[in-house]
Each structure stands twice: as C-alpha cells, then as structure tokens.
PDB file of N, CA and C in Angstrom:
ATOM      1  N   MET A   1      85.227 115.289 105.691  1.00  0.00           N
ATOM      2  CA  MET A   1      85.906 114.784 104.994  1.00  0.00           C
ATOM      3  C   MET A   1      85.477 113.778 104.117  1.00  0.00           C
ATOM      4  N   ARG A   2      84.723 113.590 103.947  1.00  0.00           N
ATOM      5  CA  ARG A   2      83.709 113.278 103.093  1.00  0.00           C
ATOM      6  C   ARG A   2      83.234 113.944 101.326  1.00  0.00           C
ATOM      7  N   ALA A   3      83.026 115.128 102.036  1.00  0.00           N
ATOM      8  CA  ALA A   3      82.481 116.505 101.559  1.00  0.00           C
ATOM      9  C   ALA A   3      83.875 116.870 100.937  1.00  0.00           C
ATOM     10  N   ALA A   4      84.537 117.026 101.773  1.00  0.00           N
ATOM     11  CA  ALA A   4      85.604 117.792 100.565  1.00  0.00           C
ATOM     12  C   ALA A   4      86.110 116.569  99.671  1.00  0.00           C
ATOM     13  N   ARG A   5      86.467 115.575  99.891  1.00  0.00           N
ATOM     14  CA  ARG A   5      86.737 114.774  98.415  1.00  0.00           C
ATOM     15  C   ARG A   5      85.823 114.632  97.627  1.00  0.00           C
ATOM     16  N   ILE A   6      85.089 114.793  97.450  1.00  0.00           N
ATOM     17  CA  ILE A   6      84.175 115.023  96.908  1.00  0.00           C
ATOM     18  C   ILE A   6      84.216 116.304  96.097  1.00  0.00           C
ATOM     19  N   LEU A   7      84.363 117.084  96.889  1.00  0.00           N
ATOM     20  CA  LEU A   7      84.609 118.973  96.290  1.00  0.00           C
ATOM     21  C   LEU A   7      85.590 118.487  95.718  1.00  0.00           C
ATOM     22  N   LEU A   8      87.098 118.196  96.044  1.00  0.00           N
ATOM     23  CA  LEU A   8      88.108 118.440  95.780  1.00  0.00           C
ATOM     24  C   LEU A   8      88.708 117.617  94.606  1.00  0.00           C
ATOM     25  N   GLY A   9      88.015 115.731  94.989  1.00  0.00           N
ATOM     26  CA  GLY A   9      88.592 115.029  94.119  1.00  0.00           C
ATOM     27  C   GLY A   9      88.657 114.777  92.862  1.00  0.00           C
ATOM     28  N   ARG A  10      88.775 114.074  91.809  1.00  0.00           N
ATOM     29  CA  ARG A  10      88.739 113.838  90.114  1.00  0.00           C
ATOM     30  C   ARG A  10      87.592 113.512  89.877  1.00  0.00           C
ATOM     31  N   SER A  11      86.678 113.513  89.213  1.00  0.00           N
ATOM     32  CA  SER A  11      85.747 112.925  88.793  1.00  0.00           C
ATOM     33  C   SER A  11      85.228 111.274  88.369  1.00  0.00           C
ATOM     34  N   ARG A  12      84.275 111.247  89.116  1.00  0.00           N
ATOM     35  CA  ARG A  12      84.434 109.304  88.701  1.00  0.00           C
ATOM     36  C   ARG A  12      84.639 109.489  86.846  1.00  0.00           C
ATOM     37  N   SER A  13      84.029 110.371  86.454  1.00  0.00           N
ATOM     38  CA  SER A  13      83.252 109.796  84.915  1.00  0.00           C
ATOM     39  C   SER A  13      84.723 110.216  84.206  1.00  0.00           C
ATOM     40  N   LYS A  14      85.594 110.180  84.779  1.00  0.00           N
ATOM     41  CA  LYS A  14      86.828 110.233  84.144  1.00  0.00           C
ATOM     42  C   LYS A  14      87.953 109.404  84.276  1.00  0.00           C
ATOM     43  N   PRO A  15      89.217 109.154  83.298  1.00  0.00           N
ATOM     44  CA  PRO A  15      89.506 108.048  83.814  1.00  0.00           C
ATOM     45  C   PRO A  15      90.368 108.393  84.864  1.00  0.00           C
ATOM     46  N   PRO A  16      91.777 107.740  85.540  1.00  0.00           N
ATOM     47  CA  PRO A  16      92.695 108.103  86.284  1.00  0.00           C
ATOM     48  C   PRO A  16      94.100 109.280  84.827  1.00  0.00           C
ATOM     49  N   PHE A  17      94.055 109.709  85.526  1.00  0.00           N
ATOM     50  CA  PHE A  17      95.265 110.584  84.975  1.00  0.00           C
ATOM     51  C   PHE A  17      96.279 110.615  84.983  1.00  0.00           C
ATOM     52  N   PHE A  18      97.040 110.125  83.844  1.00  0.00           N
ATOM     53  CA  PHE A  18      98.729 109.677  83.908  1.00  0.00           C
ATOM     54  C   PHE A  18      99.255 110.079  82.676  1.00  0.00           C
ATOM     55  N   ASP A  19     100.568 110.495  82.586  1.00  0.00           N
ATOM     56  CA  ASP A  19     101.423 110.591  81.581  1.00  0.00           C
ATOM     57  C   ASP A  19     102.026 109.375  81.422  1.00  0.00           C
ATOM     58  N   PRO A  20     102.020 108.945  79.765  1.00  0.00           N
ATOM     59  CA  PRO A  20     103.114 107.683  79.892  1.00  0.00           C
ATOM     60  C   PRO A  20     104.222 107.720  79.953  1.00  0.00           C
ATOM     61  N   LEU A  21     104.910 106.592  80.387  1.00  0.00           N
ATOM     62  CA  LEU A  21     106.248 106.854  80.687  1.00  0.00           C
ATOM     63  C   LEU A  21     107.057 106.757  79.200  1.00  0.00           C
ATOM     64  N   ARG A  22     108.603 107.209  79.818  1.00  0.00           N
ATOM     65  CA  ARG A  22     108.951 108.075  78.401  1.00  0.00           C
ATOM     66  C   ARG A  22     110.647 106.873  78.951  1.00  0.00           C
ATOM     67  N   ASP A  23     111.030 106.013  77.654  1.00  0.00           N
ATOM     68  CA  ASP A  23     112.222 105.409  77.846  1.00  0.00           C
ATOM     69  C   ASP A  23     113.134 106.089  77.143  1.00  0.00           C
ATOM     70  N   MET A  24     114.092 106.300  77.813  1.00  0.00           N
ATOM     71  CA  MET A  24     115.225 106.802  76.972  1.00  0.00           C
ATOM     72  C   MET A  24     116.164 106.066  76.156  1.00  0.00           C
ATOM     73  N   GLY A  25     116.218 104.997  76.278  1.00  0.00           N
ATOM     74  CA  GLY A  25     116.725 103.748  75.597  1.00  0.00           C
ATOM     75  C   GLY A  25     117.915 103.548  75.851  1.00  0.00           C
ATOM     76  N   THR A  26     118.516 104.073  77.059  1.00  0.00           N
ATOM     77  CA  THR A  26     119.908 103.950  77.962  1.00  0.00           C
ATOM     78  C   THR A  26     120.052 102.684  78.520  1.00  0.00           C
ATOM     79  N   GLY A  27     119.252 102.271  78.548  1.00  0.00           N
ATOM     80  CA  GLY A  27     118.841 101.150  79.292  1.00  0.00           C
ATOM     81  C   GLY A  27     118.441 100.966  80.924  1.00  0.00           C
ATOM     82  N   ASP A  28     118.508 101.876  81.382  1.00  0.00           N
ATOM     83  CA  ASP A  28     117.753 102.644  82.439  1.00  0.00           C
ATOM     84  C   ASP A  28     116.186 102.483  82.320  1.00  0.00           C
ATOM     85  N   PRO A  29     115.815 102.585  83.892  1.00  0.00           N
ATOM     86  CA  PRO A  29     113.975 102.226  83.961  1.00  0.00           C
ATOM     87  C   PRO A  29     113.228 103.992  83.469  1.00  0.00           C
ATOM     88  N   PRO A  30     112.481 103.395  82.804  1.00  0.00           N
ATOM     89  CA  PRO A  30     111.755 104.386  82.195  1.00  0.00           C
ATOM     90  C   PRO A  30     111.367 105.896  83.692  1.00  0.00           C
ATOM     91  N   ILE A  31     111.292 107.142  83.113  1.00  0.00           N
ATOM     92  CA  ILE A  31     110.604 108.219  83.490  1.00  0.00           C
ATOM     93  C   ILE A  31     109.545 108.449  83.520  1.00  0.00           C
ATOM     94  N   GLY A  32     108.816 108.909  84.918  1.00  0.00           N
ATOM     95  CA  GLY A  32     107.906 109.300  84.740  1.00  0.00           C
ATOM     96  C   GLY A  32     107.126 110.607  85.694  1.00  0.00           C
ATOM     97  N   THR A  33     106.324 110.829  85.752  1.00  0.00           N
ATOM     98  CA  THR A  33     106.231 112.143  86.185  1.00  0.00           C
ATOM     99  C   THR A  33     105.252 112.128  87.493  1.00  0.00           C
ATOM    100  N   ARG A  34     105.516 112.911  88.443  1.00  0.00           N
ATOM    101  CA  ARG A  34     104.872 113.339  90.000  1.00  0.00           C
ATOM    102  C   ARG A  34     103.595 113.211  90.045  1.00  0.00           C
ATOM    103  N   ARG A  35     102.938 113.968  88.327  1.00  0.00           N
ATOM    104  CA  ARG A  35     101.408 114.100  89.311  1.00  0.00           C
ATOM    105  C   ARG A  35     100.826 112.465  87.935  1.00  0.00           C
ATOM    106  N   SER A  36     101.437 111.842  87.686  1.00  0.00           N
ATOM    107  CA  SER A  36     101.056 110.691  87.378  1.00  0.00           C
ATOM    108  C   SER A  36     100.251 109.455  88.384  1.00  0.00           C
ATOM    109  N   THR A  37      99.220 109.347  88.404  1.00  0.00           N
ATOM    110  CA  THR A  37      98.681 108.180  88.684  1.00  0.00           C
ATOM    111  C   THR A  37      99.296 107.062  88.618  1.00  0.00           C
ATOM    112  N   ILE A  38      99.290 105.901  90.002  1.00  0.00           N
ATOM    113  CA  ILE A  38      99.811 104.687  89.558  1.00  0.00           C
ATOM    114  C   ILE A  38      98.727 104.144  89.178  1.00  0.00           C
ATOM    115  N   ILE A  39      99.161 103.139  87.796  1.00  0.00           N
ATOM    116  CA  ILE A  39      97.712 102.449  87.023  1.00  0.00           C
ATOM    117  C   ILE A  39      98.174 101.126  87.054  1.00  0.00           C
ATOM    118  N   PRO A  40      97.604  99.718  86.812  1.00  0.00           N
ATOM    119  CA  PRO A  40      98.134  98.368  87.248  1.00  0.00           C
ATOM    120  C   PRO A  40      98.856  97.624  86.459  1.00  0.00           C
ATOM    121  N   ASN A  41      99.275  98.791  85.552  1.00  0.00           N
ATOM    122  CA  ASN A  41      99.958  98.013  84.588  1.00  0.00           C
ATOM    123  C   ASN A  41     101.648  98.396  84.639  1.00  0.00           C
ATOM    124  N   TRP A  42     101.949  98.891  86.126  1.00  0.00           N
ATOM    125  CA  TRP A  42     102.834  99.322  86.262  1.00  0.00           C
ATOM    126  C   TRP A  42     103.879  98.776  87.683  1.00  0.00           C
ATOM    127  N   ILE A  43     102.687  97.838  87.854  1.00  0.00           N
ATOM    128  CA  ILE A  43     103.000  96.558  89.312  1.00  0.00           C
ATOM    129  C   ILE A  43     104.230  95.970  88.719  1.00  0.00           C
ATOM    130  N   GLY A  44     105.278  96.068  89.517  1.00  0.00           N
ATOM    131  CA  GLY A  44     106.352  95.232  89.704  1.00  0.00           C
ATOM    132  C   GLY A  44     107.599  95.914  88.830  1.00  0.00           C
ATOM    133  N   LYS A  45     107.201  97.381  87.795  1.00  0.00           N
ATOM    134  CA  LYS A  45     108.095  98.130  87.422  1.00  0.00           C
ATOM    135  C   LYS A  45     109.126  98.913  88.587  1.00  0.00           C
ATOM    136  N   LYS A  46     110.136  99.574  88.342  1.00  0.00           N
ATOM    137  CA  LYS A  46     111.175 100.566  88.037  1.00  0.00           C
ATOM    138  C   LYS A  46     110.769 101.771  87.538  1.00  0.00           C
ATOM    139  N   ILE A  47     110.456 102.784  87.830  1.00  0.00           N
ATOM    140  CA  ILE A  47     110.482 104.172  87.378  1.00  0.00           C
ATOM    141  C   ILE A  47     111.032 104.902  88.102  1.00  0.00           C
ATOM    142  N   LEU A  48     111.665 105.930  87.363  1.00  0.00           N
ATOM    143  CA  LEU A  48     112.503 107.398  88.004  1.00  0.00           C
ATOM    144  C   LEU A  48     111.538 108.072  87.882  1.00  0.00           C
ATOM    145  N   VAL A  49     111.782 108.531  88.978  1.00  0.00           N
ATOM    146  CA  VAL A  49     110.616 110.016  89.530  1.00  0.00           C
ATOM    147  C   VAL A  49     112.438 111.076  89.724  1.00  0.00           C
ATOM    148  N   HIS A  50     111.551 112.268  89.283  1.00  0.00           N
ATOM    149  CA  HIS A  50     112.525 113.569  89.734  1.00  0.00           C
ATOM    150  C   HIS A  50     112.450 114.049  90.866  1.00  0.00           C
ATOM    151  N   ASN A  51     112.938 114.721  91.538  1.00  0.00           N
ATOM    152  CA  ASN A  51     112.294 115.129  92.727  1.00  0.00           C
ATOM    153  C   ASN A  51     112.707 116.663  93.027  1.00  0.00           C
ATOM    154  N   GLY A  52     113.076 117.340  91.850  1.00  0.00           N
ATOM    155  CA  GLY A  52     113.506 118.639  92.242  1.00  0.00           C
ATOM    156  C   GLY A  52     114.836 119.035  91.873  1.00  0.00           C
ATOM    157  N   ARG A  53     115.574 117.036  92.139  1.00  0.00           N
ATOM    158  CA  ARG A  53     117.235 117.649  92.178  1.00  0.00           C
ATOM    159  C   ARG A  53     117.954 117.035  91.687  1.00  0.00           C
ATOM    160  N   TRP A  54     117.494 115.449  91.632  1.00  0.00           N
ATOM    161  CA  TRP A  54     117.725 114.352  90.762  1.00  0.00           C
ATOM    162  C   TRP A  54     116.966 113.357  90.681  1.00  0.00           C
ATOM    163  N   PHE A  55     116.893 112.362  89.795  1.00  0.00           N
ATOM    164  CA  PHE A  55     115.875 110.862  89.662  1.00  0.00           C
ATOM    165  C   PHE A  55     115.857 110.092  90.621  1.00  0.00           C
ATOM    166  N   CYS A  56     114.867 109.951  91.336  1.00  0.00           N
ATOM    167  CA  CYS A  56     114.743 108.796  92.528  1.00  0.00           C
ATOM    168  C   CYS A  56     114.161 107.521  91.681  1.00  0.00           C
ATOM    169  N   GLU A  57     114.455 106.194  91.861  1.00  0.00           N
ATOM    170  CA  GLU A  57     113.922 105.394  91.578  1.00  0.00           C
ATOM    171  C   GLU A  57     112.891 104.343  92.416  1.00  0.00           C
ATOM    172  N   VAL A  58     111.721 104.785  92.109  1.00  0.00           N
ATOM    173  CA  VAL A  58     110.381 103.741  92.410  1.00  0.00           C
ATOM    174  C   VAL A  58     110.563 103.013  91.890  1.00  0.00           C
ATOM    175  N   ASN A  59     109.830 101.591  93.288  1.00  0.00           N
ATOM    176  CA  ASN A  59     109.570 100.085  92.783  1.00  0.00           C
ATOM    177  C   ASN A  59     108.181 100.021  93.446  1.00  0.00           C
ATOM    178  N   VAL A  60     107.357  99.517  91.803  1.00  0.00           N
ATOM    179  CA  VAL A  60     105.768 100.053  91.911  1.00  0.00           C
ATOM    180  C   VAL A  60     105.450  98.395  92.598  1.00  0.00           C
ATOM    181  N   GLU A  61     104.220  98.380  93.839  1.00  0.00           N
ATOM    182  CA  GLU A  61     103.610  97.608  94.443  1.00  0.00           C
ATOM    183  C   GLU A  61     102.148  97.449  94.073  1.00  0.00           C
ATOM    184  N   ALA A  62     101.927  96.570  94.516  1.00  0.00           N
ATOM    185  CA  ALA A  62     100.187  96.462  94.646  1.00  0.00           C
ATOM    186  C   ALA A  62      99.441  97.550  95.163  1.00  0.00           C
ATOM    187  N   ASP A  63      99.767  98.087  96.450  1.00  0.00           N
ATOM    188  CA  ASP A  63      99.230  98.949  97.005  1.00  0.00           C
ATOM    189  C   ASP A  63      99.480 100.414  96.669  1.00  0.00           C
ATOM    190  N   MET A  64     100.044 100.427  96.300  1.00  0.00           N
ATOM    191  CA  MET A  64     100.727 102.071  95.038  1.00  0.00           C
ATOM    192  C   MET A  64      99.459 102.317  94.454  1.00  0.00           C
ATOM    193  N   VAL A  65      98.500 101.382  94.164  1.00  0.00           N
ATOM    194  CA  VAL A  65      97.778 102.001  92.744  1.00  0.00           C
ATOM    195  C   VAL A  65      96.749 102.430  92.978  1.00  0.00           C
ATOM    196  N   GLY A  66      96.932 103.469  92.273  1.00  0.00           N
ATOM    197  CA  GLY A  66      95.738 104.711  92.778  1.00  0.00           C
ATOM    198  C   GLY A  66      95.999 106.010  93.181  1.00  0.00           C
ATOM    199  N   HIS A  67      98.014 105.649  93.912  1.00  0.00           N
ATOM    200  CA  HIS A  67      97.987 106.734  94.084  1.00  0.00           C
ATOM    201  C   HIS A  67      99.132 107.560  93.084  1.00  0.00           C
ATOM    202  N   LYS A  68      99.369 108.694  93.301  1.00  0.00           N
ATOM    203  CA  LYS A  68     100.420 109.883  92.267  1.00  0.00           C
ATOM    204  C   LYS A  68     102.005 109.104  92.734  1.00  0.00           C
ATOM    205  N   LEU A  69     102.555 109.070  92.354  1.00  0.00           N
ATOM    206  CA  LEU A  69     104.381 108.776  91.599  1.00  0.00           C
ATOM    207  C   LEU A  69     104.966 109.600  92.833  1.00  0.00           C
ATOM    208  N   GLY A  70     104.448 110.914  93.144  1.00  0.00           N
ATOM    209  CA  GLY A  70     104.978 112.043  93.239  1.00  0.00           C
ATOM    210  C   GLY A  70     105.277 111.779  95.395  1.00  0.00           C
ATOM    211  N   ASN A  71     103.688 110.851  95.762  1.00  0.00           N
ATOM    212  CA  ASN A  71     103.973 110.628  96.778  1.00  0.00           C
ATOM    213  C   ASN A  71     104.836 110.088  97.261  1.00  0.00           C
ATOM    214  N   PHE A  72     106.049 108.840  96.283  1.00  0.00           N
ATOM    215  CA  PHE A  72     106.729 108.307  97.031  1.00  0.00           C
ATOM    216  C   PHE A  72     108.238 109.130  96.841  1.00  0.00           C
ATOM    217  N   VAL A  73     108.259 109.857  96.293  1.00  0.00           N
ATOM    218  CA  VAL A  73     109.342 110.752  96.437  1.00  0.00           C
ATOM    219  C   VAL A  73     109.463 111.910  97.115  1.00  0.00           C
ATOM    220  N   LEU A  74     110.394 111.757  98.398  1.00  0.00           N
ATOM    221  CA  LEU A  74     110.866 113.132  99.167  1.00  0.00           C
ATOM    222  C   LEU A  74     111.516 113.903  98.395  1.00  0.00           C
ATOM    223  N   THR A  75     111.184 115.342  98.547  1.00  0.00           N
ATOM    224  CA  THR A  75     111.233 116.892  98.086  1.00  0.00           C
ATOM    225  C   THR A  75     112.237 116.961  98.568  1.00  0.00           C
ATOM    226  N   LYS A  76     112.519 117.064  99.845  1.00  0.00           N
ATOM    227  CA  LYS A  76     112.967 118.154 100.472  1.00  0.00           C
ATOM    228  C   LYS A  76     113.860 116.900 102.024  1.00  0.00           C
ATOM    229  N   MET A  77     114.962 116.567 101.756  1.00  0.00           N
ATOM    230  CA  MET A  77     115.954 116.158 102.645  1.00  0.00           C
ATOM    231  C   MET A  77     115.707 116.047 104.194  1.00  0.00           C
ATOM    232  N   PRO A  78     115.107 114.823 104.925  1.00  0.00           N
ATOM    233  CA  PRO A  78     115.307 114.903 106.244  1.00  0.00           C
ATOM    234  C   PRO A  78     116.529 115.285 107.267  1.00  0.00           C
ATOM    235  N   ARG A  79     117.145 116.201 107.898  1.00  0.00           N
ATOM    236  CA  ARG A  79     117.789 116.863 108.628  1.00  0.00           C
ATOM    237  C   ARG A  79     118.091 115.799 109.894  1.00  0.00           C
ATOM    238  N   GLU A  80     118.774 115.936 110.785  1.00  0.00           N
ATOM    239  CA  GLU A  80     118.945 115.523 112.211  1.00  0.00           C
ATOM    240  C   GLU A  80     119.181 116.836 113.040  1.00  0.00           C
ATOM    241  N   LYS A  81     118.504 117.329 113.847  1.00  0.00           N
ATOM    242  CA  LYS A  81     118.850 118.236 115.031  1.00  0.00           C
ATOM    243  C   LYS A  81     120.306 118.315 115.467  1.00  0.00           C
ATOM    244  N   VAL A  82     120.842 119.168 115.796  1.00  0.00           N
ATOM    245  CA  VAL A  82     122.516 119.162 115.652  1.00  0.00           C
ATOM    246  C   VAL A  82     121.986 119.820 117.276  1.00  0.00           C
ATOM    247  N   GLN A  83     122.665 119.040 118.568  1.00  0.00           N
ATOM    248  CA  GLN A  83     122.766 119.495 119.393  1.00  0.00           C
ATOM    249  C   GLN A  83     123.927 120.254 120.161  1.00  0.00           C
ATOM    250  N   SER A  84     124.115 121.319 120.499  1.00  0.00           N
ATOM    251  CA  SER A  84     124.539 122.036 120.986  1.00  0.00           C
ATOM    252  C   SER A  84     125.483 121.853 122.120  1.00  0.00           C
ATOM    253  N   ASP A  85     126.656 121.828 122.424  1.00  0.00           N
ATOM    254  CA  ASP A  85     127.347 121.589 123.552  1.00  0.00           C
ATOM    255  C   ASP A  85     126.988 122.069 124.782  1.00  0.00           C
ATOM    256  N   SER A  86     126.236 121.984 126.371  1.00  0.00           N
ATOM    257  CA  SER A  86     126.110 123.031 127.233  1.00  0.00           C
ATOM    258  C   SER A  86     127.244 123.654 127.632  1.00  0.00           C
ATOM    259  N   LYS A  87     128.144 123.234 128.053  1.00  0.00           N
ATOM    260  CA  LYS A  87     129.507 124.009 128.219  1.00  0.00           C
ATOM    261  C   LYS A  87     130.120 125.034 127.595  1.00  0.00           C
ATOM    262  N   ALA A  88     129.603 124.787 126.443  1.00  0.00           N
ATOM    263  CA  ALA A  88     130.627 125.935 125.308  1.00  0.00           C
ATOM    264  C   ALA A  88     129.878 127.168 125.469  1.00  0.00           C
ATOM    265  N   PRO A  89     130.005 128.318 125.039  1.00  0.00           N
ATOM    266  CA  PRO A  89     129.899 129.795 125.178  1.00  0.00           C
ATOM    267  C   PRO A  89     128.737 129.572 124.098  1.00  0.00           C
ATOM    268  N   PRO A  90     127.944 130.390 124.001  1.00  0.00           N
ATOM    269  CA  PRO A  90     127.109 130.596 122.984  1.00  0.00           C
ATOM    270  C   PRO A  90     128.256 131.758 121.847  1.00  0.00           C
ATOM    271  N   LYS A  91     127.779 131.711 120.723  1.00  0.00           N
ATOM    272  CA  LYS A  91     128.664 132.026 119.607  1.00  0.00           C
ATOM    273  C   LYS A  91     128.252 133.309 119.134  1.00  0.00           C
ATOM    274  N   ARG A  92     128.994 134.227 119.118  1.00  0.00           N
ATOM    275  CA  ARG A  92     128.400 135.455 118.689  1.00  0.00           C
ATOM    276  C   ARG A  92     128.639 135.840 117.256  1.00  0.00           C
ATOM    277  N   ARG A  93     128.124 136.430 116.373  1.00  0.00           N
ATOM    278  CA  ARG A  93     127.998 136.893 115.028  1.00  0.00           C
ATOM    279  C   ARG A  93     128.827 138.163 115.548  1.00  0.00           C
ATOM    280  N   ILE A  94     130.296 138.088 114.945  1.00  0.00           N
ATOM    281  CA  ILE A  94     131.281 139.413 114.691  1.00  0.00           C
ATOM    282  C   ILE A  94     131.470 139.887 113.484  1.00  0.00           C
ATOM    283  N   ARG A  95     130.728 141.159 113.075  1.00  0.00           N
ATOM    284  CA  ARG A  95     131.057 141.904 111.929  1.00  0.00           C
ATOM    285  C   ARG A  95     132.130 142.133 111.300  1.00  0.00           C
ATOM    286  N   PRO A  96     133.599 141.547 110.533  1.00  0.00           N
ATOM    287  CA  PRO A  96     134.522 141.966 110.060  1.00  0.00           C
ATOM    288  C   PRO A  96     134.402 143.546 109.770  1.00  0.00           C
ATOM    289  N   ARG A  97     135.518 143.592 109.738  1.00  0.00           N
ATOM    290  CA  ARG A  97     135.964 145.681 109.955  1.00  0.00           C
ATOM    291  C   ARG A  97     135.620 145.754 108.516  1.00  0.00           C
ATOM    292  N   GLY A  98     135.214 146.601 108.297  1.00  0.00           N
ATOM    293  CA  GLY A  98     134.963 147.426 106.752  1.00  0.00           C
ATOM    294  C   GLY A  98     133.713 146.748 106.125  1.00  0.00           C
ATOM    295  N   TRP A  99     132.984 146.108 106.916  1.00  0.00           N
ATOM    296  CA  TRP A  99     131.848 146.048 106.492  1.00  0.00           C
ATOM    297  C   TRP A  99     130.112 146.762 107.079  1.00  0.00           C
ATOM    298  N   SER A 100     129.733 147.769 106.257  1.00  0.00           N
ATOM    299  CA  SER A 100     128.617 148.269 106.877  1.00  0.00           C
ATOM    300  C   SER A 100     127.307 147.675 106.576  1.00  0.00           C
ATOM    301  N   VAL A 101     126.876 148.427 107.348  1.00  0.00           N
ATOM    302  CA  VAL A 101     125.113 147.819 107.468  1.00  0.00           C
ATOM    303  C   VAL A 101     124.552 147.740 106.105  1.00  0.00           C
TER     304      VAL A 101
END
C-alpha cells in the first residue's frame, strides 16, 4: 500500500493542487472544482461543486483538509432495489405488430 502511494501520489515538493474558488456575485456560495484539494483556508465555508448534473453544496470541515472536493459529492444516485411480487406472473416482453427486428 505504501509503495503504491509513493508511486501514484503527488510529489511532496509540490504544493497541494487547487483551483481558486469562483464567486459569481449573485449571493450564492462560491463554485469549486472536483479536482481541487481542500486547503485550511476553506474551513467553515460552503462551496458549490458540480456532480455532472447539478451543483451540490459542500460544508467544509476540519476533517476534510487534504482530500479532494469531488470525494464529498455523489455522481451516481443510489437506487433502492425493487422487490417483485412473488405471486404475480413474470412479465413477458411482447413486440408490437409491424415491428421488425
């Protein structure tokens, strides 16, 4: 595990990567990128992060420093498993008339 971290991690001689927060001036929280590393200056701020569909609000806490903003925004929505009624017959897929393969 440690060897992989050394090979794949960011060099210690480089500072943490972050994009500056964009403030749109509309009174909304600033917008951050998923790839930005959370720095200590952002503790206590609300930041909007895009998940691919809409912007999600992230409240930055002290435990989050050093992680990426994208770690705290879900890109895929969890779905509940639908249980089928055991008494109902299985549904058959019927092709309408006039449809060709």
